[in-house]
C-alpha atoms as a PDB file:
ATOM      1  CA  MET A   1     131.617  99.131  98.800  1.00  0.00           C
ATOM      2  CA  LYS A   2     131.775  99.929 102.275  1.00  0.00           C
ATOM      3  CA  GLY A   3     128.738  98.512 104.685  1.00  0.00           C
ATOM      4  CA  THR A   4     127.630 100.954 107.444  1.00  0.00           C
ATOM      5  CA  PRO A   5     128.433  99.278 110.899  1.00  0.00           C
ATOM      6  CA  ALA A   6     125.494  98.124 112.543  1.00  0.00           C
ATOM      7  CA  GLU A   7     124.586  99.327 115.910  1.00  0.00           C
ATOM      8  CA  THR A   8     123.012  97.368 118.644  1.00  0.00           C
ATOM      9  CA  ASN A   9     120.648  97.978 121.649  1.00  0.00           C
ATOM     10  CA  GLU A  10     121.017  97.262 125.350  1.00  0.00           C
ATOM     11  CA  HIS A  11     119.574  93.756 124.155  1.00  0.00           C
ATOM     12  CA  GLY A  12     122.482  93.096 121.483  1.00  0.00           C
ATOM     13  CA  GLN A  13     119.828  93.703 118.800  1.00  0.00           C
ATOM     14  CA  ALA A  14     120.844  95.195 115.465  1.00  0.00           C
ATOM     15  CA  ILE A  15     118.916  98.391 115.111  1.00  0.00           C
ATOM     16  CA  GLY A  16     118.845 101.016 112.147  1.00  0.00           C
ATOM     17  CA  ALA A  17     121.036 104.441 112.148  1.00  0.00           C
ATOM     18  CA  PRO A  18     119.896 107.218 114.447  1.00  0.00           C
ATOM     19  CA  LEU A  19     118.342 110.305 112.440  1.00  0.00           C
ATOM     20  CA  PRO A  20     118.737 113.104 115.240  1.00  0.00           C
ATOM     21  CA  ASN A  21     118.068 115.561 112.750  1.00  0.00           C
ATOM     22  CA  TRP A  22     115.157 114.082 110.911  1.00  0.00           C
ATOM     23  CA  GLN A  23     112.062 116.272 110.740  1.00  0.00           C
ATOM     24  CA  ALA A  24     109.226 115.302 108.479  1.00  0.00           C
ATOM     25  CA  PRO A  25     108.735 117.246 105.105  1.00  0.00           C
ATOM     26  CA  PRO A  26     105.349 119.106 104.637  1.00  0.00           C
ATOM     27  CA  ALA A  27     102.764 117.463 102.564  1.00  0.00           C
ATOM     28  CA  LEU A  28     102.618 118.014  99.092  1.00  0.00           C
ATOM     29  CA  SER A  29     100.468 120.347  97.648  1.00  0.00           C
ATOM     30  CA  LYS A  30      99.236 121.781  94.275  1.00  0.00           C
ATOM     31  CA  THR A  31     101.614 124.169  92.579  1.00  0.00           C
ATOM     32  CA  ILE A  32     103.048 124.618  89.290  1.00  0.00           C
ATOM     33  CA  ILE A  33     106.588 123.146  88.906  1.00  0.00           C
ATOM     34  CA  GLY A  34     108.184 124.761  86.099  1.00  0.00           C
ATOM     35  CA  GLY A  35     111.133 123.889  83.856  1.00  0.00           C
ATOM     36  CA  GLU A  36     112.648 124.673  80.564  1.00  0.00           C
ATOM     37  CA  PHE A  37     110.928 122.216  78.307  1.00  0.00           C
ATOM     38  CA  CYS A  38     107.590 121.485  80.261  1.00  0.00           C
ATOM     39  CA  ARG A  39     105.934 122.688  83.049  1.00  0.00           C
ATOM     40  CA  LEU A  40     103.819 120.722  85.488  1.00  0.00           C
ATOM     41  CA  GLU A  41     100.355 121.974  86.024  1.00  0.00           C
ATOM     42  CA  PRO A  42      97.905 120.606  88.692  1.00  0.00           C
ATOM     43  CA  LEU A  43      95.501 118.569  86.806  1.00  0.00           C
ATOM     44  CA  SER A  44      91.971 120.418  85.796  1.00  0.00           C
ATOM     45  CA  VAL A  45      89.268 119.599  83.335  1.00  0.00           C
ATOM     46  CA  GLU A  46      88.926 123.411  82.153  1.00  0.00           C
ATOM     47  CA  SER A  47      92.923 123.434  81.270  1.00  0.00           C
ATOM     48  CA  HIS A  48      93.808 120.136  80.148  1.00  0.00           C
ATOM     49  CA  ALA A  49      90.959 117.816  79.562  1.00  0.00           C
ATOM     50  CA  MET A  50      90.307 118.518  75.829  1.00  0.00           C
ATOM     51  CA  GLN A  51      93.962 118.990  74.951  1.00  0.00           C
ATOM     52  CA  LEU A  52      94.832 115.827  76.777  1.00  0.00           C
ATOM     53  CA  PHE A  53      92.177 113.640  75.013  1.00  0.00           C
ATOM     54  CA  GLU A  54      93.504 114.699  71.848  1.00  0.00           C
ATOM     55  CA  ALA A  55      97.080 114.146  72.344  1.00  0.00           C
ATOM     56  CA  PHE A  56      95.890 110.347  74.100  1.00  0.00           C
ATOM     57  CA  SER A  57      93.865 109.592  71.019  1.00  0.00           C
ATOM     58  CA  ARG A  58      96.988 109.840  68.600  1.00  0.00           C
ATOM     59  CA  ASP A  59      97.853 106.452  70.022  1.00  0.00           C
ATOM     60  CA  VAL A  60      95.384 104.853  67.939  1.00  0.00           C
ATOM     61  CA  PRO A  61      96.027 101.194  68.902  1.00  0.00           C
ATOM     62  CA  GLY A  62      95.888 102.390  72.607  1.00  0.00           C
ATOM     63  CA  ARG A  63      99.110 100.912  73.937  1.00  0.00           C
ATOM     64  CA  ILE A  64      99.747 103.407  76.526  1.00  0.00           C
ATOM     65  CA  TRP A  65      96.617 102.244  78.592  1.00  0.00           C
ATOM     66  CA  THR A  66      97.825  98.552  78.855  1.00  0.00           C
ATOM     67  CA  TYR A  67      99.559  98.572  81.824  1.00  0.00           C
ATOM     68  CA  LEU A  68      97.259 101.360  83.758  1.00  0.00           C
ATOM     69  CA  PRO A  69      94.191 100.347  85.863  1.00  0.00           C
ATOM     70  CA  TYR A  70      91.757 102.420  83.562  1.00  0.00           C
ATOM     71  CA  GLY A  71      91.094 103.642  80.020  1.00  0.00           C
ATOM     72  CA  PRO A  72      91.057 103.973  77.259  1.00  0.00           C
ATOM     73  CA  PHE A  73      88.575 106.244  77.105  1.00  0.00           C
ATOM     74  CA  ASP A  74      86.723 106.347  73.487  1.00  0.00           C
ATOM     75  CA  ASP A  75      84.598 109.188  74.760  1.00  0.00           C
ATOM     76  CA  LEU A  76      85.461 112.555  75.452  1.00  0.00           C
ATOM     77  CA  THR A  77      82.621 113.126  78.162  1.00  0.00           C
ATOM     78  CA  ASP A  78      83.682 109.821  80.221  1.00  0.00           C
ATOM     79  CA  PHE A  79      87.389 111.138  79.881  1.00  0.00           C
ATOM     80  CA  CYS A  80      86.575 114.534  81.528  1.00  0.00           C
ATOM     81  CA  ASP A  81      84.554 112.644  84.293  1.00  0.00           C
ATOM     82  CA  TRP A  82      87.613 110.780  84.698  1.00  0.00           C
ATOM     83  CA  VAL A  83      90.006 113.776  84.968  1.00  0.00           C
ATOM     84  CA  SER A  84      87.415 115.573  87.156  1.00  0.00           C
ATOM     85  CA  GLU A  85      87.939 112.682  89.830  1.00  0.00           C
ATOM     86  CA  GLN A  86      91.409 112.871  89.732  1.00  0.00           C
ATOM     87  CA  ALA A  87      91.710 116.667  90.077  1.00  0.00           C
ATOM     88  CA  ARG A  88      89.926 116.483  93.500  1.00  0.00           C
ATOM     89  CA  LYS A  89      92.585 114.132  95.021  1.00  0.00           C
ATOM     90  CA  ASP A  90      95.308 115.026  97.009  1.00  0.00           C
ATOM     91  CA  ASP A  91      96.581 111.398  96.747  1.00  0.00           C
ATOM     92  CA  PRO A  92      97.294 110.437  94.122  1.00  0.00           C
ATOM     93  CA  LEU A  93      98.139 114.116  93.343  1.00  0.00           C
ATOM     94  CA  PHE A  94      97.774 114.326  89.371  1.00  0.00           C
ATOM     95  CA  TYR A  95      99.822 116.744  87.304  1.00  0.00           C
ATOM     96  CA  SER A  96      99.265 117.387  83.857  1.00  0.00           C
ATOM     97  CA  VAL A  97     102.548 118.081  81.539  1.00  0.00           C
ATOM     98  CA  VAL A  98     102.466 120.991  79.625  1.00  0.00           C
ATOM     99  CA  ASP A  99     104.963 121.381  76.734  1.00  0.00           C
ATOM    100  CA  THR A 100     106.099 124.744  76.520  1.00  0.00           C
ATOM    101  CA  ASN A 101     107.225 124.315  72.998  1.00  0.00           C
ATOM    102  CA  LEU A 102     103.878 123.230  71.877  1.00  0.00           C
ATOM    103  CA  GLY A 103     101.828 125.199  74.331  1.00  0.00           C
ATOM    104  CA  ARG A 104      99.907 122.359  75.059  1.00  0.00           C
ATOM    105  CA  ALA A 105      98.859 119.458  77.848  1.00  0.00           C
ATOM    106  CA  THR A 106     100.475 116.220  76.194  1.00  0.00           C
ATOM    107  CA  GLY A 107     100.751 113.701  79.113  1.00  0.00           C
ATOM    108  CA  VAL A 108      99.885 113.184  82.825  1.00  0.00           C
ATOM    109  CA  ALA A 109     101.787 111.937  86.147  1.00  0.00           C
ATOM    110  CA  SER A 110     101.284 111.844  89.905  1.00  0.00           C
ATOM    111  CA  PHE A 111     102.721 111.846  93.238  1.00  0.00           C
ATOM    112  CA  MET A 112     101.016 108.940  95.048  1.00  0.00           C
ATOM    113  CA  ARG A 113     101.411 107.106  98.264  1.00  0.00           C
ATOM    114  CA  ILE A 114     102.554 110.188  99.967  1.00  0.00           C
ATOM    115  CA  SER A 115     103.764 109.582 103.293  1.00  0.00           C
ATOM    116  CA  PRO A 116     105.861 112.750 105.014  1.00  0.00           C
ATOM    117  CA  ALA A 117     106.002 110.965 108.176  1.00  0.00           C
ATOM    118  CA  MET A 118     108.075 108.470 106.440  1.00  0.00           C
ATOM    119  CA  GLY A 119     109.659 110.792 104.232  1.00  0.00           C
ATOM    120  CA  VAL A 120     108.673 108.581 101.387  1.00  0.00           C
ATOM    121  CA  VAL A 121     106.426 109.438  97.899  1.00  0.00           C
ATOM    122  CA  GLU A 122     105.894 107.263  94.688  1.00  0.00           C
ATOM    123  CA  ILE A 123     105.783 108.814  91.362  1.00  0.00           C
ATOM    124  CA  GLY A 124     102.918 106.850  89.447  1.00  0.00           C
ATOM    125  CA  HIS A 125     100.082 107.177  86.933  1.00  0.00           C
ATOM    126  CA  LEU A 126     102.258 108.021  84.306  1.00  0.00           C
ATOM    127  CA  ASN A 127     100.819 108.248  80.736  1.00  0.00           C
ATOM    128  CA  PHE A 128     102.553 109.920  78.035  1.00  0.00           C
ATOM    129  CA  SER A 129     101.276 110.968  74.768  1.00  0.00           C
ATOM    130  CA  PRO A 130     102.958 110.168  71.459  1.00  0.00           C
ATOM    131  CA  LEU A 131     103.429 114.003  71.456  1.00  0.00           C
ATOM    132  CA  LEU A 132     105.476 113.665  74.464  1.00  0.00           C
ATOM    133  CA  GLN A 133     107.322 110.219  74.197  1.00  0.00           C
ATOM    134  CA  ARG A 134     110.846 110.415  73.943  1.00  0.00           C
ATOM    135  CA  THR A 135     111.166 113.789  74.178  1.00  0.00           C
ATOM    136  CA  ALA A 136     113.504 116.305  76.440  1.00  0.00           C
ATOM    137  CA  ALA A 137     110.188 117.542  78.045  1.00  0.00           C
ATOM    138  CA  ALA A 138     109.348 113.803  79.048  1.00  0.00           C
ATOM    139  CA  THR A 139     112.670 113.480  80.815  1.00  0.00           C
ATOM    140  CA  GLU A 140     112.607 116.892  82.390  1.00  0.00           C
ATOM    141  CA  ALA A 141     108.818 116.336  83.807  1.00  0.00           C
ATOM    142  CA  LEU A 142     110.323 113.300  85.779  1.00  0.00           C
ATOM    143  CA  TYR A 143     113.280 115.240  86.823  1.00  0.00           C
ATOM    144  CA  LEU A 144     111.355 118.141  87.896  1.00  0.00           C
ATOM    145  CA  MET A 145     109.350 115.716  90.284  1.00  0.00           C
ATOM    146  CA  ILE A 146     112.208 114.080  91.710  1.00  0.00           C
ATOM    147  CA  ASP A 147     114.006 117.054  92.341  1.00  0.00           C
ATOM    148  CA  HIS A 148     110.728 118.773  94.011  1.00  0.00           C
ATOM    149  CA  ILE A 149     110.393 115.596  96.418  1.00  0.00           C
ATOM    150  CA  PHE A 150     114.077 115.880  97.587  1.00  0.00           C
ATOM    151  CA  GLU A 151     113.949 119.646  97.744  1.00  0.00           C
ATOM    152  CA  LEU A 152     111.213 119.516 100.371  1.00  0.00           C
ATOM    153  CA  GLY A 153     112.859 116.993 102.372  1.00  0.00           C
ATOM    154  CA  TYR A 154     111.644 113.656 101.510  1.00  0.00           C
ATOM    155  CA  ARG A 155     114.171 110.698 101.951  1.00  0.00           C
ATOM    156  CA  ARG A 156     113.129 108.127  99.371  1.00  0.00           C
ATOM    157  CA  CYS A 157     111.467 108.312  95.973  1.00  0.00           C
ATOM    158  CA  GLU A 158     109.640 105.318  94.699  1.00  0.00           C
ATOM    159  CA  TRP A 159     108.879 103.662  91.203  1.00  0.00           C
ATOM    160  CA  LYS A 160     106.533 101.123  91.091  1.00  0.00           C
ATOM    161  CA  CYS A 161     105.261  99.229  87.861  1.00  0.00           C
ATOM    162  CA  ASN A 162     103.771  96.118  86.258  1.00  0.00           C
ATOM    163  CA  ALA A 163     106.866  93.741  86.300  1.00  0.00           C
ATOM    164  CA  LEU A 164     105.940  92.734  82.463  1.00  0.00           C
ATOM    165  CA  ASN A 165     106.139  96.526  81.430  1.00  0.00           C
ATOM    166  CA  GLU A 166     109.637  96.693  79.906  1.00  0.00           C
ATOM    167  CA  ALA A 167     109.486 100.116  78.944  1.00  0.00           C
ATOM    168  CA  SER A 168     108.482 101.269  82.683  1.00  0.00           C
ATOM    169  CA  ARG A 169     111.355  99.157  84.077  1.00  0.00           C
ATOM    170  CA  ASN A 170     113.844 100.416  81.570  1.00  0.00           C
ATOM    171  CA  ALA A 171     112.709 103.911  82.116  1.00  0.00           C
ATOM    172  CA  ALA A 172     113.164 103.458  85.944  1.00  0.00           C
ATOM    173  CA  LEU A 173     117.016 102.360  85.297  1.00  0.00           C
ATOM    174  CA  ARG A 174     117.484 105.051  82.679  1.00  0.00           C
ATOM    175  CA  LEU A 175     116.654 107.448  85.374  1.00  0.00           C
ATOM    176  CA  GLY A 176     119.082 106.324  87.887  1.00  0.00           C
ATOM    177  CA  PHE A 177     116.181 104.448  90.174  1.00  0.00           C
ATOM    178  CA  SER A 178     117.632 101.076  91.601  1.00  0.00           C
ATOM    179  CA  TYR A 179     115.792  97.667  91.465  1.00  0.00           C
ATOM    180  CA  GLU A 180     114.620  96.450  94.577  1.00  0.00           C
ATOM    181  CA  GLY A 181     112.451  93.511  94.011  1.00  0.00           C
ATOM    182  CA  THR A 182     109.274  92.136  92.505  1.00  0.00           C
ATOM    183  CA  PHE A 183     106.076  91.674  94.581  1.00  0.00           C
ATOM    184  CA  ARG A 184     104.536  88.417  93.053  1.00  0.00           C
ATOM    185  CA  GLN A 185     100.855  88.638  92.770  1.00  0.00           C
ATOM    186  CA  ALA A 186     100.627  92.078  94.129  1.00  0.00           C
ATOM    187  CA  ALA A 187      97.276  93.338  92.160  1.00  0.00           C
ATOM    188  CA  VAL A 188      94.623  92.105  90.107  1.00  0.00           C
ATOM    189  CA  ILE A 189      94.185  94.583  87.177  1.00  0.00           C
ATOM    190  CA  LYS A 190      91.724  94.486  84.294  1.00  0.00           C
ATOM    191  CA  GLY A 191      91.078  91.122  85.635  1.00  0.00           C
ATOM    192  CA  ARG A 192      94.677  89.989  85.100  1.00  0.00           C
ATOM    193  CA  ASN A 193      97.254  88.984  87.608  1.00  0.00           C
ATOM    194  CA  ARG A 194     100.055  91.612  88.177  1.00  0.00           C
ATOM    195  CA  ASP A 195     103.426  91.190  89.775  1.00  0.00           C
ATOM    196  CA  THR A 196     104.731  94.489  90.780  1.00  0.00           C
ATOM    197  CA  ALA A 197     108.343  95.732  90.271  1.00  0.00           C
ATOM    198  CA  TRP A 198     109.624  97.986  92.843  1.00  0.00           C
ATOM    199  CA  PHE A 199     112.773 100.732  92.108  1.00  0.00           C
ATOM    200  CA  SER A 200     113.720 103.588  94.480  1.00  0.00           C
ATOM    201  CA  MET A 201     115.996 106.479  94.506  1.00  0.00           C
ATOM    202  CA  LEU A 202     117.263 107.870  98.085  1.00  0.00           C
ATOM    203  CA  ASP A 203     118.073 111.461  99.084  1.00  0.00           C
ATOM    204  CA  GLY A 204     121.594 110.517  99.439  1.00  0.00           C
ATOM    205  CA  GLU A 205     121.745 109.596  96.027  1.00  0.00           C
ATOM    206  CA  TRP A 206     120.226 112.533  94.360  1.00  0.00           C
ATOM    207  CA  PRO A 207     122.963 115.126  94.236  1.00  0.00           C
ATOM    208  CA  ARG A 208     125.093 113.162  91.830  1.00  0.00           C
ATOM    209  CA  LEU A 209     122.018 111.982  90.106  1.00  0.00           C
ATOM    210  CA  LYS A 210     120.877 115.346  89.649  1.00  0.00           C
ATOM    211  CA  THR A 211     124.126 116.698  88.207  1.00  0.00           C
ATOM    212  CA  ALA A 212     123.679 113.780  85.669  1.00  0.00           C
ATOM    213  CA  PHE A 213     120.081 115.201  84.584  1.00  0.00           C
ATOM    214  CA  SER A 214     121.577 118.350  84.405  1.00  0.00           C
ATOM    215  CA  ALA A 215     124.504 117.373  82.051  1.00  0.00           C
ATOM    216  CA  TRP A 216     121.819 115.536  79.925  1.00  0.00           C
ATOM    217  CA  LEU A 217     119.467 118.456  79.500  1.00  0.00           C
ATOM    218  CA  SER A 218     122.251 120.981  78.626  1.00  0.00           C
ATOM    219  CA  PRO A 219     121.793 122.459  75.057  1.00  0.00           C
ATOM    220  CA  ASP A 220     125.373 121.302  74.575  1.00  0.00           C
ATOM    221  CA  ASN A 221     124.185 117.674  74.690  1.00  0.00           C
ATOM    222  CA  PHE A 222     121.912 118.265  71.717  1.00  0.00           C
ATOM    223  CA  THR A 223     122.504 118.850  68.146  1.00  0.00           C
ATOM    224  CA  GLU A 224     120.866 121.578  66.297  1.00  0.00           C
ATOM    225  CA  ASP A 225     117.953 119.316  65.196  1.00  0.00           C
ATOM    226  CA  GLY A 226     117.321 118.077  68.641  1.00  0.00           C
ATOM    227  CA  ARG A 227     118.900 114.743  68.714  1.00  0.00           C
ATOM    228  CA  GLN A 228     121.073 113.682  71.984  1.00  0.00           C
ATOM    229  CA  ARG A 229     124.922 113.591  71.952  1.00  0.00           C
ATOM    230  CA  GLN A 230     124.950 111.120  75.040  1.00  0.00           C
ATOM    231  CA  SER A 231     122.140 109.060  76.682  1.00  0.00           C
ATOM    232  CA  LEU A 232     120.693 110.053  80.182  1.00  0.00           C
ATOM    233  CA  SER A 233     121.563 106.310  81.038  1.00  0.00           C
ATOM    234  CA  ALA A 234     125.197 107.028  80.328  1.00  0.00           C
ATOM    235  CA  PHE A 235     125.044 109.964  82.642  1.00  0.00           C
ATOM    236  CA  THR A 236     123.247 108.410  85.266  1.00  0.00           C
ATOM    237  CA  SER A 237     125.314 105.273  85.366  1.00  0.00           C
ATOM    238  CA  ALA A 238     128.111 107.103  86.179  1.00  0.00           C
ATOM    239  CA  ALA A 239     126.791 109.003  88.954  1.00  0.00           C
ATOM    240  CA  ILE A 240     125.579 105.777  90.721  1.00  0.00           C
ATOM    241  CA  ASN A 241     128.891 104.358  90.039  1.00  0.00           C
ATOM    242  CA  LYS A 242     130.298 107.245  91.887  1.00  0.00           C
ATOM    243  CA  ASN A 243     127.410 107.187  94.657  1.00  0.00           C
ATOM    244  CA  THR A 244     128.352 103.492  95.225  1.00  0.00           C
ATOM    245  CA  GLU A 245     132.273 104.156  95.792  1.00  0.00           C
ATOM    246  CA  THR A 246     131.495 106.712  98.288  1.00  0.00           C
ATOM    247  CA  LEU A 247     129.240 104.357 100.582  1.00  0.00           C
END
């Protein structure tokens, strides 16, 4: 791996690489983002609340809410109130994941901590119901979000999770994010300590990772009964290795 030579200023201090062509990207707006297996629609009570409540209710033990700062919602009215509150916000900017095969909303995700001036966006508030978990639509939803960010000109996509949330940590690595460290005692969630694990993906890494996602999502990578022939992590690991070799 080749390092980038450090530049120095007139005081002999090391400084970051110049970005002569850098322009802040536009703020994220509420727009539909379409794919083959799913589409992302700005969250709304009218279009999504009933479908999401039913989909989330399929997780009878309530495991999907453990690491989120809200939920579970046993009452539809309370859930609709929560959806209404989130739908009014621009940050976090919530989307409903609509499975095109089922024709219904099966999960939510959001863009958050949106900073056009710095070119940084975080993907968070992920809650995928049992109908969405471990499906091509789930992976494509995240692919669509990452691609949307970098197509707009953002430089960095972040993924953060409770350091004890093994499923989220594994998902970040599977998708091609790089682990950056853990912020200890970063928050208090539901009366308990939370250490937060940080992951990131950079714009310069995305072209190879995008190719990896496209290869995984290709119909050729799935059997007739929908099983993957090669895992996404196999594709993204190869892309990450190639990215490292070019540094």
